[in-house]
Structures are given as structure tokens and as C-alpha cells.
N, C-alpha and C. Protein backbone atom coordinates (compact mmCIF):
# COMPACT_ATOMS: atom_id res chain seq x y z
N UNK A 1 33.16 -88.86 -50.52
CA UNK A 1 32.51 -87.92 -49.89
C UNK A 1 33.20 -87.26 -48.45
N UNK A 2 33.86 -87.83 -47.93
CA UNK A 2 34.71 -87.75 -45.99
C UNK A 2 35.07 -86.25 -46.92
N UNK A 3 35.64 -86.08 -48.44
CA UNK A 3 36.19 -84.99 -48.48
C UNK A 3 35.35 -83.48 -47.95
N UNK A 4 34.27 -84.21 -48.78
CA UNK A 4 32.95 -82.46 -49.14
C UNK A 4 32.23 -82.70 -47.85
N UNK A 5 32.44 -84.24 -46.25
CA UNK A 5 32.23 -83.41 -45.93
C UNK A 5 32.92 -82.88 -43.79
N UNK A 6 34.00 -83.01 -44.76
CA UNK A 6 35.24 -82.46 -44.17
C UNK A 6 35.34 -80.65 -44.28
N UNK A 7 35.33 -80.66 -46.06
CA UNK A 7 35.39 -79.26 -46.29
C UNK A 7 33.88 -78.40 -46.25
N UNK A 8 32.33 -78.67 -45.41
CA UNK A 8 31.71 -78.42 -45.14
C UNK A 8 31.81 -78.07 -43.90
N UNK A 9 32.31 -78.73 -43.29
CA UNK A 9 32.57 -78.68 -42.03
C UNK A 9 33.37 -77.90 -41.27
N UNK A 10 34.67 -77.68 -42.12
CA UNK A 10 35.53 -77.05 -41.87
C UNK A 10 35.32 -75.03 -42.94
N UNK A 11 33.81 -75.21 -44.35
CA UNK A 11 34.14 -74.13 -44.04
C UNK A 11 33.09 -73.83 -43.18
N UNK A 12 31.81 -74.13 -42.53
CA UNK A 12 30.86 -73.73 -41.42
C UNK A 12 31.90 -73.04 -39.90
N UNK A 13 32.57 -73.81 -39.57
CA UNK A 13 33.52 -73.77 -38.49
C UNK A 13 34.23 -72.00 -38.65
N UNK A 14 35.31 -71.59 -40.42
CA UNK A 14 35.59 -70.53 -40.87
C UNK A 14 34.27 -69.57 -41.13
N UNK A 15 33.50 -70.19 -41.89
CA UNK A 15 31.91 -68.75 -41.18
C UNK A 15 31.75 -68.19 -40.02
N UNK A 16 31.03 -69.38 -39.19
CA UNK A 16 31.11 -68.30 -37.55
C UNK A 16 31.63 -68.22 -37.07
N UNK A 17 32.97 -68.09 -38.10
CA UNK A 17 34.20 -67.87 -36.75
C UNK A 17 35.00 -66.85 -37.18
N UNK A 18 34.01 -65.79 -38.87
CA UNK A 18 34.19 -64.46 -38.89
C UNK A 18 33.03 -63.72 -38.71
N UNK A 19 31.99 -64.89 -38.68
CA UNK A 19 31.22 -63.97 -37.98
C UNK A 19 31.27 -63.48 -36.84
N UNK A 20 32.51 -63.80 -35.78
CA UNK A 20 31.63 -63.67 -34.69
C UNK A 20 33.19 -62.33 -34.39
N UNK A 21 34.20 -62.02 -35.26
CA UNK A 21 35.26 -61.28 -34.95
C UNK A 21 33.83 -60.35 -34.82
N UNK A 22 33.17 -59.97 -35.50
CA UNK A 22 32.29 -58.44 -35.20
C UNK A 22 31.78 -58.34 -33.52
N UNK A 23 31.74 -57.32 -33.70
CA UNK A 23 32.07 -57.26 -31.79
C UNK A 23 30.93 -56.55 -31.15
N UNK A 24 29.53 -56.67 -32.32
CA UNK A 24 28.82 -56.61 -31.63
C UNK A 24 27.72 -58.02 -32.07
N UNK A 25 28.56 -59.16 -32.22
CA UNK A 25 28.19 -60.37 -32.59
C UNK A 25 28.33 -61.20 -30.93
N UNK A 26 27.46 -61.95 -30.57
CA UNK A 26 27.22 -62.40 -29.25
C UNK A 26 27.26 -63.68 -29.66
N UNK A 27 27.16 -64.46 -29.99
CA UNK A 27 26.89 -66.02 -30.63
C UNK A 27 26.30 -66.50 -31.51
N UNK A 28 27.21 -67.16 -32.95
CA UNK A 28 26.14 -67.42 -33.89
C UNK A 28 26.57 -69.97 -34.08
N UNK A 29 25.73 -69.71 -34.24
CA UNK A 29 25.51 -71.83 -34.40
C UNK A 29 25.00 -71.58 -35.67
N UNK A 30 25.12 -72.79 -36.65
CA UNK A 30 23.96 -73.44 -37.72
C UNK A 30 23.02 -74.17 -36.83
N UNK A 31 21.85 -74.21 -36.74
CA UNK A 31 20.54 -74.51 -36.15
C UNK A 31 20.04 -76.31 -36.67
N UNK A 32 19.99 -76.91 -35.77
CA UNK A 32 19.33 -78.36 -36.60
C UNK A 32 18.36 -78.34 -37.32
N UNK A 33 17.39 -76.55 -37.94
CA UNK A 33 16.81 -76.77 -38.80
C UNK A 33 17.67 -76.06 -39.81
N UNK A 34 18.63 -76.38 -40.04
CA UNK A 34 19.59 -74.78 -40.99
C UNK A 34 19.48 -73.64 -40.70
N UNK A 35 19.39 -72.94 -40.36
CA UNK A 35 19.47 -71.37 -39.92
C UNK A 35 20.58 -71.06 -39.24
N UNK A 36 20.83 -69.69 -40.43
CA UNK A 36 22.23 -69.43 -38.90
C UNK A 36 21.80 -68.68 -38.21
N UNK A 37 21.67 -68.66 -37.50
CA UNK A 37 21.06 -68.23 -35.81
C UNK A 37 22.38 -66.70 -35.12
N UNK A 38 22.71 -65.90 -35.62
CA UNK A 38 23.50 -64.37 -34.57
C UNK A 38 22.90 -64.03 -33.76
N UNK A 39 23.61 -63.81 -32.63
CA UNK A 39 23.19 -63.19 -31.36
C UNK A 39 23.75 -61.58 -32.17
N UNK A 40 23.09 -60.28 -31.90
CA UNK A 40 23.77 -58.51 -32.02
C UNK A 40 23.26 -58.55 -31.20
N UNK A 41 23.40 -56.53 -30.23
CA UNK A 41 23.03 -55.91 -30.26
C UNK A 41 22.17 -55.37 -31.14
N UNK A 42 20.97 -54.89 -30.32
CA UNK A 42 20.23 -54.25 -30.60
C UNK A 42 19.93 -53.03 -30.53
N UNK A 43 20.82 -52.44 -31.36
CA UNK A 43 21.10 -50.73 -31.64
C UNK A 43 19.93 -49.88 -32.35
N UNK A 44 18.45 -50.45 -32.16
CA UNK A 44 17.80 -49.82 -32.95
C UNK A 44 17.80 -50.14 -34.26
N UNK A 45 18.07 -49.87 -34.94
CA UNK A 45 18.74 -49.80 -36.28
C UNK A 45 18.55 -51.38 -37.09
N UNK A 46 17.41 -50.86 -38.64
CA UNK A 46 16.71 -52.22 -38.91
C UNK A 46 18.44 -53.31 -39.72
N UNK A 47 18.28 -54.61 -38.97
CA UNK A 47 19.34 -55.44 -38.89
C UNK A 47 19.44 -55.96 -40.00
N UNK A 48 18.09 -56.19 -41.23
CA UNK A 48 17.39 -56.80 -42.88
C UNK A 48 19.22 -56.77 -43.24
N UNK A 49 20.16 -55.73 -43.39
CA UNK A 49 20.88 -55.66 -44.81
C UNK A 49 22.01 -56.72 -43.94
N UNK A 50 22.56 -55.92 -42.15
CA UNK A 50 22.69 -57.12 -41.44
C UNK A 50 23.16 -59.01 -41.68
N UNK A 51 21.51 -58.86 -41.35
CA UNK A 51 21.33 -60.14 -42.65
C UNK A 51 21.69 -61.04 -43.72
N UNK A 52 20.63 -60.56 -44.36
CA UNK A 52 21.96 -60.55 -46.16
C UNK A 52 23.41 -60.45 -46.63
N UNK A 53 23.96 -59.72 -45.32
CA UNK A 53 24.79 -59.98 -45.83
C UNK A 53 25.36 -61.00 -45.20
N UNK A 54 24.57 -61.76 -44.58
CA UNK A 54 25.18 -63.63 -43.61
C UNK A 54 25.03 -63.95 -44.34
N UNK A 55 23.30 -64.19 -45.47
CA UNK A 55 23.72 -65.14 -46.41
C UNK A 55 24.51 -64.98 -47.10
N UNK A 56 24.82 -64.17 -47.42
CA UNK A 56 26.17 -64.48 -48.31
C UNK A 56 27.43 -64.76 -48.23
N UNK A 57 27.77 -64.18 -47.07
CA UNK A 57 29.14 -64.68 -46.35
C UNK A 57 28.72 -65.81 -46.24
N UNK A 58 27.67 -67.25 -46.12
CA UNK A 58 27.36 -68.09 -46.12
C UNK A 58 27.53 -68.64 -47.60
N UNK A 59 27.45 -67.80 -47.99
CA UNK A 59 27.25 -68.68 -49.60
C UNK A 59 28.42 -68.88 -50.05
N UNK A 60 29.30 -67.58 -50.06
CA UNK A 60 31.41 -67.18 -50.02
C UNK A 60 31.67 -68.57 -49.72
N UNK A 61 31.37 -69.21 -47.85
CA UNK A 61 32.14 -70.09 -47.26
C UNK A 61 31.75 -70.76 -48.04
N UNK A 62 30.36 -71.49 -48.41
CA UNK A 62 30.17 -73.25 -49.21
C UNK A 62 29.25 -73.66 -47.84
N UNK A 63 28.63 -73.26 -47.82
CA UNK A 63 27.45 -73.90 -46.07
C UNK A 63 26.15 -72.77 -46.36
N UNK A 64 25.45 -74.47 -46.96
CA UNK A 64 24.48 -73.96 -47.98
C UNK A 64 22.84 -74.45 -45.55
N UNK A 65 22.39 -73.28 -45.98
CA UNK A 65 21.97 -72.69 -45.07
C UNK A 65 20.45 -72.50 -45.77
N UNK A 66 19.42 -72.09 -44.74
CA UNK A 66 18.51 -72.26 -45.94
C UNK A 66 17.93 -71.25 -44.98
N UNK A 67 18.56 -70.20 -44.07
CA UNK A 67 18.84 -68.90 -44.03
C UNK A 67 19.57 -68.16 -43.03
N UNK A 68 18.87 -66.77 -42.14
CA UNK A 68 19.92 -66.28 -41.53
C UNK A 68 18.34 -66.15 -40.59
N UNK A 69 19.27 -65.93 -38.71
CA UNK A 69 17.81 -65.34 -38.26
C UNK A 69 18.52 -64.32 -37.15
N UNK A 70 18.41 -62.70 -37.42
CA UNK A 70 19.38 -62.53 -36.25
C UNK A 70 18.80 -62.75 -34.53
N UNK A 71 18.86 -62.25 -33.44
CA UNK A 71 18.45 -62.04 -32.47
C UNK A 71 18.90 -61.48 -31.72
N UNK A 72 18.06 -60.58 -30.30
CA UNK A 72 18.35 -59.59 -29.46
C UNK A 72 19.58 -60.38 -28.58
N UNK A 73 20.77 -59.74 -28.71
CA UNK A 73 22.00 -60.49 -27.72
C UNK A 73 21.33 -60.64 -26.82
N UNK A 74 19.87 -60.17 -26.43
CA UNK A 74 20.23 -59.32 -24.42
C UNK A 74 19.41 -60.68 -24.09
N UNK A 75 18.37 -61.16 -24.56
CA UNK A 75 17.44 -62.26 -23.95
C UNK A 75 18.27 -63.65 -25.34
N UNK A 76 19.10 -63.06 -26.15
CA UNK A 76 19.16 -64.35 -27.09
C UNK A 76 19.91 -66.38 -26.01
N UNK A 77 18.68 -66.52 -26.53
CA UNK A 77 19.43 -68.62 -25.60
C UNK A 77 19.88 -69.60 -26.24
N UNK A 78 20.89 -69.93 -26.81
CA UNK A 78 21.68 -70.96 -27.88
C UNK A 78 21.50 -72.50 -26.99
N UNK A 79 21.35 -73.66 -27.55
CA UNK A 79 21.05 -74.28 -27.24
C UNK A 79 21.41 -75.53 -28.02
N UNK A 80 21.73 -77.21 -27.78
CA UNK A 80 22.31 -77.74 -28.80
C UNK A 80 21.56 -77.63 -29.80
N UNK A 81 21.98 -77.03 -31.14
CA UNK A 81 21.47 -77.26 -32.82
C UNK A 81 19.87 -76.62 -32.70
N UNK A 82 20.29 -75.45 -30.99
CA UNK A 82 18.75 -73.89 -31.43
C UNK A 82 19.04 -73.30 -30.74
N UNK A 83 17.71 -71.89 -31.48
CA UNK A 83 18.66 -70.72 -30.88
C UNK A 83 16.57 -69.61 -31.21
N UNK A 84 17.15 -69.17 -29.57
CA UNK A 84 15.63 -68.97 -29.30
C UNK A 84 16.33 -66.71 -28.55
N UNK A 85 15.11 -65.57 -29.43
CA UNK A 85 15.43 -64.92 -28.59
C UNK A 85 14.18 -64.63 -29.22
N UNK A 86 13.78 -62.94 -28.96
CA UNK A 86 13.85 -62.00 -29.48
C UNK A 86 14.77 -61.86 -31.37
N UNK A 87 13.55 -61.41 -32.54
CA UNK A 87 13.60 -61.62 -33.78
C UNK A 87 13.62 -59.84 -33.70
N UNK A 88 15.09 -59.98 -34.46
CA UNK A 88 15.31 -58.63 -34.97
C UNK A 88 15.24 -58.63 -36.62
N UNK A 89 15.98 -59.63 -37.35
CA UNK A 89 15.45 -59.77 -38.77
C UNK A 89 16.14 -61.40 -39.07
N UNK A 90 15.19 -61.51 -40.26
CA UNK A 90 15.39 -63.22 -40.49
C UNK A 90 14.97 -62.99 -42.76
N UNK A 91 16.10 -63.74 -42.88
CA UNK A 91 16.41 -63.91 -43.91
C UNK A 91 16.35 -65.31 -44.47
N UNK A 92 15.37 -65.11 -45.86
CA UNK A 92 16.01 -66.54 -46.35
C UNK A 92 16.38 -66.72 -47.33
N UNK A 93 16.92 -68.16 -48.35
CA UNK A 93 17.68 -68.51 -49.49
C UNK A 93 16.49 -68.04 -50.23
């Protein structure tokens, strides 16, 4: 079982690192309720395709999440296990 947890942790870290490579991303975490929260620059475009892409990425990295929430980077707040701010898009598994 320890290997499963270890591989999940490394998958989560790899996923978050890959997401943060995008220059329009400010921060990204998996919240305590299992949502991938990502702060992105709001350029007025529909962010639904981006949310869907991050949902697919999580599956590819083997990270089990309930969904993806994209937040406006200009007012997003990240705390231990939670993220708040203006939602730009939301997708669920």
C-alpha cells in the first residue's frame, strides 16, 4: 500500500509541476475536497477547454480528482487545502 501512496504523491507532484509550466498559471493545488484548483490569467476567453485539458492531464498522471476549478489569478487566494476567488471555469469527473 505504501507504494500506491508514494506513486500517487509523485503523480500529484508531477501533475502540479506540469501545470505550473504554463506561463498563464499562477498557482495550482489539489484541495482537501479533491478539486484541482488552478489560478490563471483572465484574458476574457472561455476557460472551459483549459479546465477539460487539466482534467484529462490528471487522469494521464493517475491523479484521482473530483474536478477542476479555474480561478482568476488577480484575486485567487490559496490556503492549506483550499483555494478561493472568482471562478472562470469548472469541470467535474
